[in-house]
Amino acid sequence: MINISEAAAAQVKKMMEAEGDDSLMLRVGVKGGGCSGLSYGMGFESEASEEDTLFEKHGISVVVDKESAPIIKDLVIDYKENMMGGGFTIDNPNAIASCGCGSSFRTATNAGTPEDC
């Protein structure tokens, strides 16, 4: 479903420790919005619904909602550090276009005309 690098998983674990709850799950999904039509969302969740897909990668529980699953199939989440700091990177093979500002994307199924960033 989703590929999470060891570096990204390690960073997620650090963030869970900072939250003080190592039983949290990482929720990954998409929502409508942004200048290209869709934007990614990641956050912590304490419970999954019956319609969610739940799996484990590198020791973290990951949950994806039913609507997001086909859009983020084979998504790759990584964590990169450089001199300016660190951040998560997302590579989605289903995205056919990304916004110039990098905060949103389009797939073939939502390939409407993007708005200006």
N, C-alpha and C. Protein backbone atom coordinates (compact mmCIF):
# COMPACT_ATOMS: atom_id res chain seq x y z
N MET A 1 0.84 -1.20 0.00
CA MET A 1 0.00 0.00 0.00
C MET A 1 0.87 1.25 0.00
N ILE A 2 1.54 1.57 1.12
CA ILE A 2 2.40 2.75 1.23
C ILE A 2 3.78 2.29 1.66
N ASN A 3 4.80 2.90 1.10
CA ASN A 3 6.18 2.60 1.49
C ASN A 3 6.70 3.74 2.36
N ILE A 4 7.22 3.39 3.52
CA ILE A 4 7.77 4.38 4.43
C ILE A 4 9.22 4.01 4.68
N SER A 5 10.12 4.93 4.43
CA SER A 5 11.54 4.64 4.63
C SER A 5 11.83 4.49 6.12
N GLU A 6 12.97 3.87 6.40
CA GLU A 6 13.38 3.73 7.80
C GLU A 6 13.62 5.09 8.43
N ALA A 7 14.15 6.04 7.66
CA ALA A 7 14.38 7.40 8.19
C ALA A 7 13.07 8.07 8.56
N ALA A 8 12.05 7.93 7.71
CA ALA A 8 10.74 8.52 8.00
C ALA A 8 10.11 7.84 9.21
N ALA A 9 10.21 6.53 9.29
CA ALA A 9 9.65 5.81 10.43
C ALA A 9 10.33 6.23 11.73
N ALA A 10 11.65 6.40 11.69
CA ALA A 10 12.38 6.84 12.88
C ALA A 10 11.92 8.22 13.32
N GLN A 11 11.69 9.12 12.37
CA GLN A 11 11.23 10.46 12.71
C GLN A 11 9.81 10.42 13.28
N VAL A 12 8.95 9.58 12.72
CA VAL A 12 7.59 9.44 13.24
C VAL A 12 7.64 8.91 14.67
N LYS A 13 8.51 7.95 14.93
CA LYS A 13 8.65 7.41 16.30
C LYS A 13 9.09 8.51 17.27
N LYS A 14 10.03 9.37 16.84
CA LYS A 14 10.47 10.48 17.70
C LYS A 14 9.30 11.42 18.00
N MET A 15 8.49 11.67 16.99
CA MET A 15 7.34 12.57 17.18
C MET A 15 6.30 11.93 18.11
N MET A 16 6.13 10.61 18.02
CA MET A 16 5.20 9.91 18.92
C MET A 16 5.70 9.99 20.36
N GLU A 17 7.02 9.83 20.53
CA GLU A 17 7.61 9.95 21.87
C GLU A 17 7.37 11.34 22.44
N ALA A 18 7.50 12.35 21.59
CA ALA A 18 7.26 13.73 22.02
C ALA A 18 5.80 13.94 22.42
N GLU A 19 4.89 13.20 21.77
CA GLU A 19 3.46 13.27 22.12
C GLU A 19 3.18 12.51 23.42
N GLY A 20 4.13 11.66 23.84
CA GLY A 20 3.97 10.90 25.07
C GLY A 20 3.05 9.70 24.94
N ASP A 21 2.84 9.22 23.71
CA ASP A 21 1.94 8.09 23.51
C ASP A 21 2.45 7.24 22.35
N ASP A 22 3.13 6.13 22.68
CA ASP A 22 3.68 5.29 21.63
C ASP A 22 2.64 4.33 21.04
N SER A 23 1.38 4.44 21.47
CA SER A 23 0.33 3.60 20.90
C SER A 23 -0.40 4.31 19.75
N LEU A 24 0.01 5.53 19.43
CA LEU A 24 -0.62 6.27 18.35
C LEU A 24 -0.34 5.62 17.00
N MET A 25 -1.22 5.86 16.05
CA MET A 25 -1.04 5.40 14.68
C MET A 25 -0.80 6.61 13.80
N LEU A 26 -0.09 6.40 12.71
CA LEU A 26 0.12 7.45 11.73
C LEU A 26 -0.99 7.37 10.69
N ARG A 27 -1.79 8.42 10.58
CA ARG A 27 -2.84 8.47 9.56
C ARG A 27 -2.28 9.23 8.36
N VAL A 28 -2.38 8.59 7.18
CA VAL A 28 -1.94 9.19 5.94
C VAL A 28 -3.14 9.24 5.01
N GLY A 29 -3.36 10.39 4.37
CA GLY A 29 -4.50 10.50 3.47
C GLY A 29 -4.38 11.71 2.59
N VAL A 30 -5.42 11.93 1.81
CA VAL A 30 -5.50 13.11 0.95
C VAL A 30 -6.83 13.80 1.20
N LYS A 31 -6.86 15.07 0.88
CA LYS A 31 -8.11 15.83 0.98
C LYS A 31 -8.15 16.78 -0.21
N GLY A 32 -9.34 17.19 -0.56
CA GLY A 32 -9.50 18.15 -1.63
C GLY A 32 -8.96 19.49 -1.20
N GLY A 33 -8.31 20.18 -2.11
CA GLY A 33 -7.79 21.50 -1.79
C GLY A 33 -6.44 21.72 -2.43
N GLY A 34 -5.95 22.90 -2.28
CA GLY A 34 -4.69 23.26 -2.90
C GLY A 34 -4.91 23.65 -4.34
N CYS A 35 -3.94 24.24 -4.95
CA CYS A 35 -4.12 24.75 -6.31
C CYS A 35 -4.13 23.67 -7.37
N SER A 36 -3.70 22.45 -7.05
CA SER A 36 -3.76 21.38 -8.04
C SER A 36 -4.91 20.41 -7.79
N GLY A 37 -5.65 20.59 -6.72
CA GLY A 37 -6.84 19.78 -6.49
C GLY A 37 -6.81 18.89 -5.28
N LEU A 38 -5.67 18.31 -4.92
CA LEU A 38 -5.56 17.43 -3.76
C LEU A 38 -4.33 17.81 -2.95
N SER A 39 -4.39 17.58 -1.65
CA SER A 39 -3.22 17.78 -0.81
C SER A 39 -3.11 16.63 0.18
N TYR A 40 -1.89 16.36 0.59
CA TYR A 40 -1.63 15.25 1.52
C TYR A 40 -1.90 15.68 2.95
N GLY A 41 -2.22 14.70 3.76
CA GLY A 41 -2.37 14.93 5.18
C GLY A 41 -1.73 13.80 5.95
N MET A 42 -1.00 14.14 7.00
CA MET A 42 -0.42 13.15 7.90
C MET A 42 -0.63 13.65 9.32
N GLY A 43 -0.99 12.73 10.19
CA GLY A 43 -1.18 13.10 11.58
C GLY A 43 -1.31 11.85 12.42
N PHE A 44 -1.45 12.05 13.71
CA PHE A 44 -1.58 10.91 14.61
C PHE A 44 -3.04 10.64 14.93
N GLU A 45 -3.33 9.37 15.12
CA GLU A 45 -4.68 8.90 15.37
C GLU A 45 -4.62 7.86 16.48
N SER A 46 -5.61 7.87 17.36
CA SER A 46 -5.63 6.86 18.42
C SER A 46 -6.52 5.67 18.08
N GLU A 47 -7.43 5.86 17.13
CA GLU A 47 -8.33 4.77 16.74
C GLU A 47 -8.54 4.77 15.24
N ALA A 48 -8.77 3.58 14.69
CA ALA A 48 -9.08 3.44 13.27
C ALA A 48 -10.55 3.04 13.14
N SER A 49 -11.18 3.44 12.04
CA SER A 49 -12.57 3.04 11.81
C SER A 49 -12.58 1.70 11.08
N GLU A 50 -13.75 1.11 10.99
CA GLU A 50 -13.88 -0.18 10.32
C GLU A 50 -13.55 -0.09 8.84
N GLU A 51 -13.73 1.07 8.24
CA GLU A 51 -13.47 1.23 6.81
C GLU A 51 -12.03 1.60 6.50
N ASP A 52 -11.20 1.83 7.52
CA ASP A 52 -9.80 2.16 7.31
C ASP A 52 -8.98 0.91 7.01
N THR A 53 -7.88 1.10 6.30
CA THR A 53 -6.89 0.06 6.12
C THR A 53 -5.80 0.30 7.15
N LEU A 54 -5.44 -0.73 7.88
CA LEU A 54 -4.43 -0.62 8.93
C LEU A 54 -3.30 -1.60 8.62
N PHE A 55 -2.05 -1.11 8.66
CA PHE A 55 -0.89 -1.98 8.43
C PHE A 55 0.29 -1.43 9.22
N GLU A 56 1.38 -2.19 9.24
CA GLU A 56 2.56 -1.78 9.98
C GLU A 56 3.76 -1.68 9.07
N LYS A 57 4.57 -0.64 9.26
CA LYS A 57 5.82 -0.44 8.53
C LYS A 57 6.89 0.01 9.51
N HIS A 58 7.99 -0.71 9.56
CA HIS A 58 9.13 -0.35 10.41
C HIS A 58 8.73 -0.05 11.85
N GLY A 59 7.77 -0.81 12.36
CA GLY A 59 7.39 -0.66 13.76
C GLY A 59 6.37 0.41 14.07
N ILE A 60 5.80 1.05 13.05
CA ILE A 60 4.73 2.01 13.31
C ILE A 60 3.45 1.53 12.64
N SER A 61 2.35 1.76 13.30
CA SER A 61 1.04 1.42 12.74
C SER A 61 0.60 2.57 11.85
N VAL A 62 0.16 2.23 10.63
CA VAL A 62 -0.26 3.23 9.65
C VAL A 62 -1.72 2.95 9.30
N VAL A 63 -2.51 4.01 9.24
CA VAL A 63 -3.92 3.89 8.90
C VAL A 63 -4.23 4.81 7.72
N VAL A 64 -5.03 4.27 6.76
CA VAL A 64 -5.40 5.01 5.56
C VAL A 64 -6.91 4.87 5.38
N ASP A 65 -7.59 5.98 5.11
CA ASP A 65 -9.03 5.92 4.89
C ASP A 65 -9.34 5.34 3.51
N LYS A 66 -10.54 4.83 3.37
CA LYS A 66 -10.98 4.13 2.17
C LYS A 66 -10.89 5.01 0.91
N GLU A 67 -11.23 6.28 1.02
CA GLU A 67 -11.23 7.16 -0.13
C GLU A 67 -9.81 7.50 -0.60
N SER A 68 -8.88 7.60 0.34
CA SER A 68 -7.50 7.95 0.00
C SER A 68 -6.70 6.78 -0.56
N ALA A 69 -7.06 5.57 -0.18
CA ALA A 69 -6.26 4.39 -0.52
C ALA A 69 -5.89 4.27 -2.00
N PRO A 70 -6.84 4.39 -2.94
CA PRO A 70 -6.42 4.24 -4.35
C PRO A 70 -5.56 5.40 -4.86
N ILE A 71 -5.70 6.57 -4.27
CA ILE A 71 -4.96 7.75 -4.71
C ILE A 71 -3.51 7.68 -4.24
N ILE A 72 -3.27 7.06 -3.09
CA ILE A 72 -1.92 7.01 -2.54
C ILE A 72 -1.31 5.61 -2.59
N LYS A 73 -1.88 4.75 -3.40
CA LYS A 73 -1.31 3.41 -3.57
C LYS A 73 0.13 3.54 -4.06
N ASP A 74 1.05 2.84 -3.42
CA ASP A 74 2.49 2.84 -3.74
C ASP A 74 3.20 4.16 -3.43
N LEU A 75 2.58 5.02 -2.64
CA LEU A 75 3.19 6.26 -2.19
C LEU A 75 4.47 5.96 -1.42
N VAL A 76 5.48 6.80 -1.56
CA VAL A 76 6.73 6.65 -0.82
C VAL A 76 6.91 7.87 0.07
N ILE A 77 7.03 7.63 1.37
CA ILE A 77 7.28 8.69 2.35
C ILE A 77 8.70 8.53 2.86
N ASP A 78 9.48 9.59 2.79
CA ASP A 78 10.86 9.57 3.26
C ASP A 78 11.07 10.78 4.15
N TYR A 79 12.17 10.78 4.87
CA TYR A 79 12.54 11.93 5.69
C TYR A 79 13.97 12.31 5.33
N LYS A 80 14.17 13.56 4.96
CA LYS A 80 15.50 14.04 4.54
C LYS A 80 15.92 15.19 5.44
N GLU A 81 17.21 15.19 5.78
CA GLU A 81 17.78 16.29 6.54
C GLU A 81 18.84 16.96 5.69
N ASN A 82 18.90 18.29 5.79
CA ASN A 82 19.95 19.05 5.12
C ASN A 82 20.35 20.21 6.02
N MET A 83 21.12 21.11 5.53
CA MET A 83 21.61 22.22 6.35
C MET A 83 20.49 23.15 6.80
N MET A 84 19.38 23.13 6.11
CA MET A 84 18.25 24.00 6.44
C MET A 84 17.28 23.32 7.43
N GLY A 85 17.54 22.09 7.79
CA GLY A 85 16.65 21.36 8.68
C GLY A 85 16.23 20.05 8.04
N GLY A 86 15.09 19.55 8.46
CA GLY A 86 14.61 18.28 7.92
C GLY A 86 13.14 18.36 7.58
N GLY A 87 12.71 17.38 6.83
CA GLY A 87 11.30 17.34 6.48
C GLY A 87 10.95 16.06 5.76
N PHE A 88 9.67 15.75 5.76
CA PHE A 88 9.16 14.58 5.06
C PHE A 88 9.06 14.89 3.58
N THR A 89 9.37 13.91 2.75
CA THR A 89 9.17 14.02 1.32
C THR A 89 8.18 12.95 0.90
N ILE A 90 7.39 13.26 -0.10
CA ILE A 90 6.37 12.33 -0.58
C ILE A 90 6.52 12.17 -2.08
N ASP A 91 6.61 10.93 -2.52
CA ASP A 91 6.67 10.62 -3.94
C ASP A 91 5.47 9.75 -4.27
N ASN A 92 4.56 10.29 -5.07
CA ASN A 92 3.33 9.58 -5.41
C ASN A 92 3.35 9.22 -6.90
N PRO A 93 3.48 7.93 -7.23
CA PRO A 93 3.49 7.54 -8.63
C PRO A 93 2.16 7.77 -9.34
N ASN A 94 1.11 8.03 -8.59
CA ASN A 94 -0.21 8.29 -9.16
C ASN A 94 -0.43 9.75 -9.53
N ALA A 95 0.46 10.63 -9.07
CA ALA A 95 0.32 12.06 -9.37
C ALA A 95 0.79 12.33 -10.78
N ILE A 96 -0.03 13.03 -11.55
CA ILE A 96 0.36 13.39 -12.92
C ILE A 96 0.87 14.82 -13.00
N ALA A 97 0.60 15.61 -11.97
CA ALA A 97 1.07 17.00 -11.93
C ALA A 97 1.10 17.46 -10.49
N SER A 98 2.05 18.33 -10.21
CA SER A 98 2.16 18.94 -8.88
C SER A 98 2.14 20.44 -9.04
N CYS A 99 1.71 21.11 -8.00
CA CYS A 99 1.68 22.56 -7.99
C CYS A 99 3.11 23.09 -7.92
N GLY A 100 3.33 24.25 -8.45
CA GLY A 100 4.65 24.87 -8.40
C GLY A 100 5.12 25.12 -6.97
N CYS A 101 4.19 25.35 -6.06
CA CYS A 101 4.58 25.58 -4.66
C CYS A 101 4.79 24.27 -3.92
N GLY A 102 4.47 23.12 -4.56
CA GLY A 102 4.76 21.82 -3.98
C GLY A 102 3.79 21.35 -2.92
N SER A 103 2.68 22.02 -2.72
CA SER A 103 1.78 21.62 -1.64
C SER A 103 0.57 20.83 -2.10
N SER A 104 0.39 20.68 -3.40
CA SER A 104 -0.76 19.92 -3.87
C SER A 104 -0.43 19.19 -5.16
N PHE A 105 -1.33 18.30 -5.59
CA PHE A 105 -1.08 17.47 -6.76
C PHE A 105 -2.38 17.10 -7.43
N ARG A 106 -2.26 16.53 -8.63
CA ARG A 106 -3.41 16.00 -9.37
C ARG A 106 -3.12 14.57 -9.77
N THR A 107 -4.17 13.77 -9.88
CA THR A 107 -4.08 12.44 -10.45
C THR A 107 -4.91 12.42 -11.72
N ALA A 108 -4.88 11.33 -12.45
CA ALA A 108 -5.65 11.23 -13.68
C ALA A 108 -7.15 11.33 -13.41
N THR A 109 -7.60 10.91 -12.23
CA THR A 109 -9.03 10.94 -11.92
C THR A 109 -9.52 12.30 -11.46
N ASN A 110 -8.62 13.20 -11.07
CA ASN A 110 -9.04 14.56 -10.69
C ASN A 110 -8.26 15.59 -11.50
N ALA A 111 -8.13 15.34 -12.79
CA ALA A 111 -7.27 16.16 -13.65
C ALA A 111 -7.97 17.41 -14.18
N GLY A 112 -8.72 18.09 -13.36
CA GLY A 112 -9.34 19.35 -13.76
C GLY A 112 -8.30 20.43 -13.94
N THR A 113 -8.70 21.61 -14.25
CA THR A 113 -7.79 22.73 -14.44
C THR A 113 -7.35 23.27 -13.09
N PRO A 114 -6.04 23.30 -12.83
CA PRO A 114 -5.56 23.83 -11.55
C PRO A 114 -5.72 25.34 -11.49
N GLU A 115 -5.91 25.84 -10.28
CA GLU A 115 -5.94 27.29 -10.05
C GLU A 115 -4.52 27.78 -9.88
N ASP A 116 -4.32 29.06 -9.89
CA ASP A 116 -2.99 29.62 -9.65
C ASP A 116 -2.63 29.42 -8.18
N CYS A 117 -1.34 29.22 -7.93
CA CYS A 117 -0.86 29.06 -6.55
C CYS A 117 -0.90 30.38 -5.82
